């Protein structure tokens, strides 16, 4: 016959073991697989048309509209915080030495999700008036690590940005 001192550890072991078994039977595991971010939408494909020197006339970049009214308005219609980057040409109306780069230093603006989604927000440059020329490149990408991007948008060559003649403004709409 078991003594009283031997029964207490056995009861304790049975209670702990039974509680552990009960808890293990109540655990549920679920696994879900989300599609890859890159599988949702393929990036835009750029078509490059080869040119033969002398065979195709070089197209001069067209001058910007009046610098006093040259405004870029950006709308973020996505659910992502984004950064829009502008890589601008040097002014084509002012010649520069051949060894100088053809682009200015890039500038960027950050937008919260849906910021300026209805009418857009006017952006400006810290160094002076905003002037867009044909061939200037705009690119947007998400800042939240989702690896989403929009563009490149080439002024005068792609559908965006568009020049609204009524208010003399360039409009760039970043949409999902």
N, C-alpha and C. Protein backbone atom coordinates (compact mmCIF):
# COMPACT_ATOMS: atom_id res chain seq x y z
N UNK A 1 0.84 -1.15 0.00
CA UNK A 1 0.00 0.00 0.00
C UNK A 1 0.89 1.23 0.00
N UNK A 2 0.44 2.24 -0.71
CA UNK A 2 1.24 3.45 -0.84
C UNK A 2 1.04 4.33 0.37
N UNK A 3 2.06 4.98 0.71
CA UNK A 3 1.97 5.89 1.84
C UNK A 3 1.38 7.21 1.39
N UNK A 4 0.95 8.03 2.40
CA UNK A 4 0.36 9.33 2.08
C UNK A 4 1.36 10.23 1.38
N UNK A 5 2.60 10.16 1.72
CA UNK A 5 3.60 11.02 1.10
C UNK A 5 3.84 10.63 -0.35
N UNK A 6 3.56 9.39 -0.78
CA UNK A 6 3.74 8.95 -2.16
C UNK A 6 2.54 9.25 -3.03
N UNK A 7 1.37 9.46 -2.45
CA UNK A 7 0.14 9.73 -3.21
C UNK A 7 0.14 11.17 -3.74
N UNK A 8 0.62 12.08 -2.98
CA UNK A 8 0.59 13.50 -3.38
C UNK A 8 1.39 13.72 -4.67
N UNK A 9 2.60 13.20 -4.82
CA UNK A 9 3.31 13.41 -6.10
C UNK A 9 2.61 12.74 -7.28
N UNK A 10 1.97 11.57 -7.01
CA UNK A 10 1.28 10.89 -8.11
C UNK A 10 0.05 11.68 -8.55
N UNK A 11 -0.69 12.23 -7.62
CA UNK A 11 -1.87 13.04 -7.96
C UNK A 11 -1.43 14.30 -8.68
N UNK A 12 -0.38 14.90 -8.19
CA UNK A 12 0.16 16.10 -8.82
C UNK A 12 0.61 15.82 -10.26
N UNK A 13 1.29 14.69 -10.46
CA UNK A 13 1.74 14.31 -11.80
C UNK A 13 0.55 14.05 -12.71
N UNK A 14 -0.50 13.42 -12.20
CA UNK A 14 -1.68 13.14 -13.00
C UNK A 14 -2.40 14.43 -13.39
N UNK A 15 -2.50 15.37 -12.45
CA UNK A 15 -3.16 16.64 -12.75
C UNK A 15 -2.37 17.43 -13.79
N UNK A 16 -1.05 17.53 -13.62
CA UNK A 16 -0.21 18.26 -14.57
C UNK A 16 -0.22 17.58 -15.93
N UNK A 17 -0.10 16.27 -15.95
CA UNK A 17 -0.12 15.53 -17.21
C UNK A 17 -1.46 15.65 -17.93
N UNK A 18 -2.54 15.53 -17.17
CA UNK A 18 -3.87 15.67 -17.77
C UNK A 18 -4.11 17.07 -18.30
N UNK A 19 -3.66 18.08 -17.54
CA UNK A 19 -3.81 19.46 -18.00
C UNK A 19 -3.01 19.70 -19.28
N UNK A 20 -1.80 19.16 -19.32
CA UNK A 20 -0.96 19.31 -20.51
C UNK A 20 -1.59 18.64 -21.72
N UNK A 21 -2.14 17.42 -21.52
CA UNK A 21 -2.79 16.71 -22.62
C UNK A 21 -4.02 17.48 -23.11
N UNK A 22 -4.77 18.05 -22.19
CA UNK A 22 -5.95 18.83 -22.55
C UNK A 22 -5.57 20.07 -23.35
N UNK A 23 -4.51 20.74 -22.91
CA UNK A 23 -4.06 21.93 -23.65
C UNK A 23 -3.57 21.58 -25.04
N UNK A 24 -2.85 20.48 -25.19
CA UNK A 24 -2.36 20.07 -26.51
C UNK A 24 -3.50 19.75 -27.46
N UNK A 25 -4.57 19.19 -26.95
CA UNK A 25 -5.70 18.87 -27.84
C UNK A 25 -6.45 20.12 -28.27
N UNK A 26 -6.27 21.24 -27.59
CA UNK A 26 -6.99 22.48 -27.91
C UNK A 26 -6.21 23.38 -28.86
N UNK A 27 -4.98 23.02 -29.19
CA UNK A 27 -4.17 23.85 -30.10
C UNK A 27 -4.60 23.62 -31.54
N UNK A 28 -4.71 24.70 -32.28
CA UNK A 28 -5.05 24.63 -33.70
C UNK A 28 -3.96 25.35 -34.48
N UNK A 29 -3.57 24.78 -35.57
CA UNK A 29 -2.57 25.38 -36.43
C UNK A 29 -3.21 25.66 -37.78
N UNK A 30 -2.88 26.82 -38.36
CA UNK A 30 -3.35 27.10 -39.71
C UNK A 30 -2.19 27.71 -40.49
N UNK A 31 -2.13 27.37 -41.75
CA UNK A 31 -1.08 27.87 -42.63
C UNK A 31 -1.77 28.47 -43.84
N UNK A 32 -1.36 29.68 -44.22
CA UNK A 32 -1.90 30.28 -45.43
C UNK A 32 -0.73 30.82 -46.25
N UNK A 33 -0.92 30.80 -47.53
CA UNK A 33 0.12 31.25 -48.46
C UNK A 33 -0.45 32.41 -49.25
N UNK A 34 0.26 33.55 -49.20
CA UNK A 34 -0.15 34.73 -49.96
C UNK A 34 0.64 34.76 -51.26
N UNK A 35 0.01 35.27 -52.33
CA UNK A 35 0.75 35.36 -53.59
C UNK A 35 1.89 36.35 -53.47
N UNK A 36 2.90 36.11 -54.24
CA UNK A 36 4.07 36.99 -54.25
C UNK A 36 3.69 38.36 -54.74
N UNK A 37 4.32 39.39 -54.21
CA UNK A 37 4.05 40.77 -54.62
C UNK A 37 4.40 40.93 -56.10
N UNK A 38 5.46 40.28 -56.54
CA UNK A 38 5.88 40.41 -57.93
C UNK A 38 4.96 39.65 -58.88
N UNK A 39 4.20 38.67 -58.36
CA UNK A 39 3.31 37.91 -59.22
C UNK A 39 2.02 38.66 -59.50
N UNK A 40 1.70 39.69 -58.68
CA UNK A 40 0.45 40.41 -58.87
C UNK A 40 0.42 41.18 -60.18
N UNK A 41 1.47 41.90 -60.45
CA UNK A 41 1.47 42.77 -61.62
C UNK A 41 2.89 42.86 -62.16
N UNK A 42 3.04 42.54 -63.40
CA UNK A 42 4.36 42.61 -64.01
C UNK A 42 4.75 44.07 -64.20
N UNK A 43 6.04 44.39 -64.08
CA UNK A 43 6.46 45.77 -64.29
C UNK A 43 6.25 46.18 -65.74
N UNK A 44 6.11 47.48 -65.98
CA UNK A 44 5.91 47.92 -67.35
C UNK A 44 7.13 47.59 -68.22
N UNK A 45 6.84 47.30 -69.47
CA UNK A 45 7.89 46.98 -70.42
C UNK A 45 8.18 48.21 -71.26
N UNK A 46 9.44 48.56 -71.34
CA UNK A 46 9.84 49.71 -72.14
C UNK A 46 10.30 49.22 -73.50
N UNK A 47 9.78 49.81 -74.53
CA UNK A 47 10.21 49.47 -75.87
C UNK A 47 11.25 50.49 -76.31
N UNK A 48 12.38 49.99 -76.73
CA UNK A 48 13.45 50.86 -77.19
C UNK A 48 13.56 50.68 -78.70
N UNK A 49 13.43 51.79 -79.42
CA UNK A 49 13.53 51.74 -80.87
C UNK A 49 14.96 52.09 -81.26
N UNK A 50 15.66 51.19 -81.93
CA UNK A 50 17.03 51.49 -82.32
C UNK A 50 17.05 52.59 -83.38
N UNK A 51 18.03 53.43 -83.30
CA UNK A 51 18.19 54.48 -84.30
C UNK A 51 19.56 54.36 -84.94
N UNK A 52 19.60 54.69 -86.19
CA UNK A 52 20.86 54.69 -86.93
C UNK A 52 21.30 56.14 -87.05
N UNK A 53 22.55 56.46 -86.68
CA UNK A 53 22.98 57.85 -86.76
C UNK A 53 22.81 58.39 -88.18
N UNK A 54 22.20 59.56 -88.27
CA UNK A 54 21.99 60.21 -89.56
C UNK A 54 20.71 59.77 -90.25
N UNK A 55 20.18 58.57 -89.91
CA UNK A 55 18.98 58.09 -90.57
C UNK A 55 17.72 58.72 -89.98
N UNK A 56 17.76 59.04 -88.71
CA UNK A 56 16.61 59.63 -88.04
C UNK A 56 17.01 61.00 -87.52
N UNK A 57 16.19 61.98 -87.81
CA UNK A 57 16.49 63.34 -87.35
C UNK A 57 16.38 63.36 -85.83
N UNK A 58 17.35 64.00 -85.18
CA UNK A 58 17.32 64.12 -83.72
C UNK A 58 16.23 65.09 -83.33
N UNK A 59 15.41 64.69 -82.38
CA UNK A 59 14.33 65.54 -81.92
C UNK A 59 14.85 66.39 -80.78
N UNK A 60 14.81 67.70 -80.96
CA UNK A 60 15.25 68.63 -79.92
C UNK A 60 14.24 68.63 -78.79
N UNK A 61 14.70 68.64 -77.54
CA UNK A 61 13.74 68.75 -76.45
C UNK A 61 12.97 70.07 -76.56
N UNK A 62 11.66 69.97 -76.42
CA UNK A 62 10.86 71.18 -76.54
C UNK A 62 10.99 71.98 -75.25
N UNK A 63 10.99 73.29 -75.38
CA UNK A 63 11.10 74.10 -74.18
C UNK A 63 9.88 73.94 -73.30
N UNK A 64 10.07 74.24 -72.04
CA UNK A 64 8.99 74.15 -71.08
C UNK A 64 7.98 75.27 -71.35
N UNK A 65 6.81 75.14 -70.73
CA UNK A 65 5.86 76.23 -70.81
C UNK A 65 6.38 77.37 -69.95
N UNK A 66 5.69 78.49 -69.95
CA UNK A 66 6.12 79.69 -69.23
C UNK A 66 6.54 79.33 -67.80
N UNK A 67 7.80 79.64 -67.40
CA UNK A 67 8.28 79.24 -66.08
C UNK A 67 7.47 79.83 -64.92
N UNK A 68 6.78 80.93 -65.14
CA UNK A 68 5.99 81.51 -64.05
C UNK A 68 4.76 80.67 -63.75
N UNK A 69 4.31 79.88 -64.73
CA UNK A 69 3.12 79.06 -64.52
C UNK A 69 3.42 77.58 -64.62
N UNK A 70 4.69 77.23 -64.71
CA UNK A 70 5.07 75.83 -64.87
C UNK A 70 4.97 75.13 -63.52
N UNK A 71 3.91 74.35 -63.33
CA UNK A 71 3.62 73.72 -62.05
C UNK A 71 3.46 72.23 -62.27
N UNK A 72 3.98 71.45 -61.34
CA UNK A 72 3.76 70.01 -61.34
C UNK A 72 2.85 69.69 -60.17
N UNK A 73 1.75 69.02 -60.47
CA UNK A 73 0.77 68.64 -59.44
C UNK A 73 0.74 67.11 -59.42
N UNK A 74 0.94 66.51 -58.23
CA UNK A 74 1.03 65.06 -58.09
C UNK A 74 -0.11 64.57 -57.19
N UNK A 75 -0.75 63.47 -57.63
CA UNK A 75 -1.83 62.84 -56.86
C UNK A 75 -1.43 61.41 -56.51
N UNK A 76 -1.44 61.08 -55.22
CA UNK A 76 -1.20 59.70 -54.79
C UNK A 76 -2.56 59.07 -54.51
N UNK A 77 -3.04 58.24 -55.44
CA UNK A 77 -4.33 57.58 -55.28
C UNK A 77 -4.17 56.15 -54.77
N UNK A 78 -2.98 55.81 -54.30
CA UNK A 78 -2.73 54.45 -53.81
C UNK A 78 -2.88 54.38 -52.30
N UNK A 79 -2.83 53.17 -51.78
CA UNK A 79 -2.87 52.94 -50.33
C UNK A 79 -1.46 52.87 -49.75
N UNK A 80 -0.46 53.28 -50.52
CA UNK A 80 0.93 53.18 -50.10
C UNK A 80 1.54 54.56 -49.87
N UNK A 81 2.46 54.68 -48.91
CA UNK A 81 3.27 55.89 -48.86
C UNK A 81 4.26 55.80 -50.02
N UNK A 82 4.38 56.86 -50.79
CA UNK A 82 5.24 56.78 -51.98
C UNK A 82 6.25 57.92 -52.00
N UNK A 83 7.29 57.73 -52.80
CA UNK A 83 8.27 58.77 -53.10
C UNK A 83 8.27 58.94 -54.62
N UNK A 84 8.16 60.19 -55.06
CA UNK A 84 8.22 60.50 -56.49
C UNK A 84 9.55 61.19 -56.74
N UNK A 85 10.32 60.68 -57.71
CA UNK A 85 11.65 61.20 -58.01
C UNK A 85 11.63 61.83 -59.40
N UNK A 86 12.23 63.00 -59.52
CA UNK A 86 12.37 63.69 -60.80
C UNK A 86 13.83 63.74 -61.18
N UNK A 87 14.14 63.23 -62.35
CA UNK A 87 15.50 63.33 -62.93
C UNK A 87 15.34 64.25 -64.13
N UNK A 88 15.78 65.49 -63.99
CA UNK A 88 15.50 66.52 -64.98
C UNK A 88 16.72 66.81 -65.84
N UNK A 89 16.45 67.11 -67.13
CA UNK A 89 17.49 67.55 -68.05
C UNK A 89 17.97 68.95 -67.67
N UNK A 90 19.15 69.27 -68.10
CA UNK A 90 19.57 70.66 -68.04
C UNK A 90 18.76 71.44 -69.06
N UNK A 91 18.66 72.72 -68.91
CA UNK A 91 17.87 73.55 -69.82
C UNK A 91 18.42 73.41 -71.25
N UNK A 92 17.61 72.90 -72.19
CA UNK A 92 18.11 72.70 -73.55
C UNK A 92 18.34 74.02 -74.29
N UNK A 93 17.81 75.12 -73.79
CA UNK A 93 17.97 76.41 -74.45
C UNK A 93 19.29 77.08 -74.11
N UNK A 94 20.01 76.55 -73.13
CA UNK A 94 21.30 77.11 -72.75
C UNK A 94 22.38 76.05 -73.00
N UNK A 95 23.29 76.30 -73.95
CA UNK A 95 24.32 75.30 -74.24
C UNK A 95 25.24 75.11 -73.04
N UNK A 96 25.72 73.89 -72.89
CA UNK A 96 26.66 73.57 -71.82
C UNK A 96 27.85 72.85 -72.41
N UNK A 97 29.00 72.88 -71.74
CA UNK A 97 30.18 72.19 -72.25
C UNK A 97 29.92 70.69 -72.42
N UNK A 98 30.56 70.06 -73.39
CA UNK A 98 30.29 68.65 -73.69
C UNK A 98 30.60 67.71 -72.53
N UNK A 99 31.51 68.04 -71.65
CA UNK A 99 31.86 67.12 -70.56
C UNK A 99 30.93 67.21 -69.35
N UNK A 100 29.96 68.11 -69.39
CA UNK A 100 29.03 68.22 -68.27
C UNK A 100 27.91 67.20 -68.43
N UNK A 101 27.36 66.70 -67.32
CA UNK A 101 26.26 65.73 -67.43
C UNK A 101 25.01 66.38 -68.02
N UNK A 102 24.16 65.56 -68.62
CA UNK A 102 22.95 66.07 -69.26
C UNK A 102 21.79 66.22 -68.29
N UNK A 103 21.95 65.69 -67.07
CA UNK A 103 20.87 65.73 -66.09
C UNK A 103 21.28 66.54 -64.87
N UNK A 104 20.29 67.15 -64.24
CA UNK A 104 20.48 67.81 -62.96
C UNK A 104 20.47 66.74 -61.86
N UNK A 105 20.83 67.14 -60.66
CA UNK A 105 20.72 66.23 -59.53
C UNK A 105 19.24 65.87 -59.32
N UNK A 106 18.93 64.61 -59.02
CA UNK A 106 17.52 64.24 -58.83
C UNK A 106 16.94 64.89 -57.58
N UNK A 107 15.64 65.13 -57.62
CA UNK A 107 14.90 65.65 -56.47
C UNK A 107 13.74 64.70 -56.22
N UNK A 108 13.20 64.71 -54.99
CA UNK A 108 12.09 63.82 -54.69
C UNK A 108 11.12 64.46 -53.71
N UNK A 109 9.90 63.90 -53.72
CA UNK A 109 8.84 64.33 -52.81
C UNK A 109 8.20 63.07 -52.25
N UNK A 110 7.82 63.09 -50.97
CA UNK A 110 7.17 61.96 -50.33
C UNK A 110 5.70 62.27 -50.10
N UNK A 111 4.85 61.25 -50.29
CA UNK A 111 3.41 61.40 -50.14
C UNK A 111 2.87 60.29 -49.26
N UNK A 112 1.96 60.64 -48.37
CA UNK A 112 1.25 59.65 -47.54
C UNK A 112 0.21 58.96 -48.42
N UNK A 113 -0.30 57.81 -47.97
CA UNK A 113 -1.37 57.15 -48.74
C UNK A 113 -2.55 58.09 -48.98
N UNK A 114 -3.01 58.14 -50.20
CA UNK A 114 -4.16 58.96 -50.64
C UNK A 114 -3.90 60.47 -50.53
N UNK A 115 -2.67 60.89 -50.29
CA UNK A 115 -2.39 62.32 -50.16
C UNK A 115 -2.52 63.00 -51.53
N UNK A 116 -3.33 64.02 -51.58
CA UNK A 116 -3.57 64.75 -52.83
C UNK A 116 -4.33 63.93 -53.84
N UNK A 117 -5.07 62.92 -53.39
CA UNK A 117 -5.70 61.99 -54.33
C UNK A 117 -6.77 62.63 -55.21
N UNK A 118 -7.42 63.67 -54.74
CA UNK A 118 -8.50 64.27 -55.54
C UNK A 118 -7.97 65.34 -56.48
N UNK A 119 -7.37 66.38 -55.95
CA UNK A 119 -6.92 67.48 -56.80
C UNK A 119 -5.42 67.51 -57.03
N UNK A 120 -4.68 66.68 -56.32
CA UNK A 120 -3.24 66.70 -56.43
C UNK A 120 -2.63 67.79 -55.58
N UNK A 121 -1.34 67.68 -55.33
CA UNK A 121 -0.61 68.68 -54.57
C UNK A 121 0.46 69.29 -55.47
N UNK A 122 0.60 70.60 -55.42
CA UNK A 122 1.65 71.28 -56.17
C UNK A 122 2.97 71.01 -55.48
N UNK A 123 3.98 70.68 -56.27
CA UNK A 123 5.31 70.47 -55.71
C UNK A 123 6.24 71.55 -56.25
N UNK A 124 7.30 71.79 -55.54
CA UNK A 124 8.25 72.82 -55.96
C UNK A 124 9.67 72.32 -55.72
N UNK A 125 10.61 73.07 -56.22
CA UNK A 125 12.02 72.75 -56.04
C UNK A 125 12.63 73.69 -55.03
N UNK A 126 13.58 73.22 -54.24
CA UNK A 126 14.22 74.11 -53.27
C UNK A 126 15.13 75.14 -53.93
N UNK A 127 15.58 74.85 -55.15
CA UNK A 127 16.57 75.71 -55.80
C UNK A 127 15.96 76.75 -56.74
N UNK A 128 14.66 76.76 -56.94
CA UNK A 128 14.08 77.74 -57.86
C UNK A 128 12.82 77.23 -58.50
N UNK A 129 12.43 77.86 -59.62
CA UNK A 129 11.16 77.48 -60.25
C UNK A 129 11.23 76.09 -60.88
N UNK A 130 10.09 75.45 -60.91
CA UNK A 130 9.96 74.12 -61.50
C UNK A 130 9.80 74.28 -63.01
N UNK A 131 10.63 73.60 -63.77
CA UNK A 131 10.49 73.58 -65.22
C UNK A 131 10.66 72.15 -65.69
N UNK A 132 9.67 71.66 -66.42
CA UNK A 132 9.75 70.33 -66.99
C UNK A 132 10.03 70.45 -68.48
N UNK A 133 10.93 69.64 -68.97
CA UNK A 133 11.27 69.60 -70.39
C UNK A 133 11.00 68.20 -70.92
N UNK A 134 10.81 68.12 -72.22
CA UNK A 134 10.62 66.82 -72.83
C UNK A 134 11.83 65.95 -72.53
N UNK A 135 11.58 64.73 -72.10
CA UNK A 135 12.65 63.81 -71.76
C UNK A 135 12.95 63.74 -70.27
N UNK A 136 12.42 64.67 -69.47
CA UNK A 136 12.58 64.56 -68.02
C UNK A 136 11.88 63.29 -67.54
N UNK A 137 12.45 62.64 -66.54
CA UNK A 137 11.95 61.34 -66.09
C UNK A 137 11.41 61.46 -64.67
N UNK A 138 10.19 60.94 -64.47
CA UNK A 138 9.56 60.85 -63.15
C UNK A 138 9.36 59.37 -62.83
N UNK A 139 9.62 58.99 -61.59
CA UNK A 139 9.48 57.61 -61.14
C UNK A 139 8.89 57.63 -59.74
N UNK A 140 8.02 56.70 -59.42
CA UNK A 140 7.44 56.63 -58.08
C UNK A 140 7.60 55.21 -57.54
N UNK A 141 7.83 55.11 -56.23
CA UNK A 141 7.92 53.80 -55.60
C UNK A 141 7.40 53.87 -54.18
N UNK A 142 6.93 52.71 -53.69
CA UNK A 142 6.37 52.63 -52.34
C UNK A 142 7.49 52.67 -51.32
N UNK A 143 7.23 53.33 -50.20
CA UNK A 143 8.21 53.46 -49.13
C UNK A 143 8.02 52.44 -48.01
N UNK A 144 7.03 51.57 -48.13
CA UNK A 144 6.71 50.64 -47.05
C UNK A 144 7.35 49.27 -47.21
N UNK A 145 8.23 49.11 -48.18
CA UNK A 145 8.89 47.83 -48.38
C UNK A 145 8.10 46.84 -49.22
N UNK A 146 6.98 47.26 -49.80
CA UNK A 146 6.15 46.36 -50.60
C UNK A 146 6.70 46.14 -52.01
N UNK A 147 7.74 46.85 -52.37
CA UNK A 147 8.40 46.73 -53.67
C UNK A 147 7.50 47.11 -54.84
N UNK A 148 6.56 48.00 -54.62
CA UNK A 148 5.70 48.51 -55.70
C UNK A 148 6.35 49.75 -56.28
N UNK A 149 6.23 49.90 -57.59
CA UNK A 149 6.72 51.11 -58.22
C UNK A 149 5.87 51.45 -59.43
N UNK A 150 5.93 52.71 -59.82
CA UNK A 150 5.15 53.22 -60.94
C UNK A 150 6.07 54.03 -61.83
N UNK A 151 5.92 53.87 -63.13
CA UNK A 151 6.74 54.61 -64.07
C UNK A 151 7.69 53.67 -64.78
N UNK A 152 8.68 54.18 -65.42
CA UNK A 152 9.05 55.59 -65.48
C UNK A 152 8.10 56.37 -66.37
N UNK A 153 7.90 57.62 -66.01
CA UNK A 153 7.10 58.54 -66.80
C UNK A 153 8.08 59.52 -67.44
N UNK A 154 8.07 59.59 -68.76
CA UNK A 154 8.97 60.47 -69.49
C UNK A 154 8.14 61.61 -70.06
N UNK A 155 8.45 62.83 -69.67
CA UNK A 155 7.68 64.00 -70.08
C UNK A 155 7.69 64.10 -71.61
N UNK A 156 6.52 64.15 -72.18
CA UNK A 156 6.37 64.27 -73.63
C UNK A 156 6.42 62.96 -74.39
N UNK A 157 6.81 61.85 -73.73
CA UNK A 157 6.91 60.57 -74.43
C UNK A 157 5.93 59.52 -73.91
N UNK A 158 5.48 59.62 -72.66
CA UNK A 158 4.54 58.68 -72.09
C UNK A 158 3.21 59.40 -71.84
N UNK A 159 2.19 58.63 -71.49
CA UNK A 159 0.86 59.23 -71.28
C UNK A 159 0.83 60.19 -70.11
N UNK A 160 1.71 59.99 -69.14
CA UNK A 160 1.78 60.89 -67.99
C UNK A 160 3.21 61.41 -67.86
N UNK A 161 3.42 62.55 -67.31
CA UNK A 161 2.44 63.52 -66.85
C UNK A 161 1.76 64.21 -68.03
N UNK A 162 0.57 64.71 -67.77
CA UNK A 162 -0.18 65.41 -68.81
C UNK A 162 -0.15 66.90 -68.54
N UNK A 163 -0.13 67.66 -69.60
CA UNK A 163 -0.13 69.12 -69.49
C UNK A 163 -1.56 69.61 -69.67
N UNK A 164 -2.10 70.19 -68.63
CA UNK A 164 -3.45 70.76 -68.68
C UNK A 164 -3.33 72.19 -69.17
N UNK A 165 -3.72 72.44 -70.41
CA UNK A 165 -3.59 73.77 -71.00
C UNK A 165 -4.46 74.80 -70.28
N UNK A 166 -5.59 74.36 -69.71
CA UNK A 166 -6.50 75.30 -69.08
C UNK A 166 -5.87 75.99 -67.88
N UNK A 167 -5.10 75.25 -67.09
CA UNK A 167 -4.47 75.87 -65.93
C UNK A 167 -2.95 75.87 -66.01
N UNK A 168 -2.39 75.51 -67.17
CA UNK A 168 -0.95 75.51 -67.42
C UNK A 168 -0.19 74.74 -66.34
N UNK A 169 -0.68 73.53 -66.04
CA UNK A 169 -0.04 72.69 -65.03
C UNK A 169 0.20 71.29 -65.59
N UNK A 170 1.30 70.70 -65.14
CA UNK A 170 1.55 69.29 -65.41
C UNK A 170 0.87 68.49 -64.30
N UNK A 171 0.22 67.36 -64.67
CA UNK A 171 -0.45 66.51 -63.68
C UNK A 171 0.10 65.10 -63.79
N UNK A 172 0.50 64.56 -62.64
CA UNK A 172 0.95 63.17 -62.55
C UNK A 172 0.06 62.48 -61.53
N UNK A 173 -0.67 61.43 -61.96
CA UNK A 173 -1.58 60.71 -61.08
C UNK A 173 -1.01 59.31 -60.89
N UNK A 174 -0.65 59.00 -59.63
CA UNK A 174 -0.17 57.66 -59.29
C UNK A 174 -1.38 56.89 -58.78
N UNK A 175 -1.81 55.88 -59.55
CA UNK A 175 -3.00 55.13 -59.17
C UNK A 175 -2.64 53.66 -59.01
N UNK A 176 -3.47 52.93 -58.22
CA UNK A 176 -3.16 51.51 -57.95
C UNK A 176 -3.19 50.67 -59.20
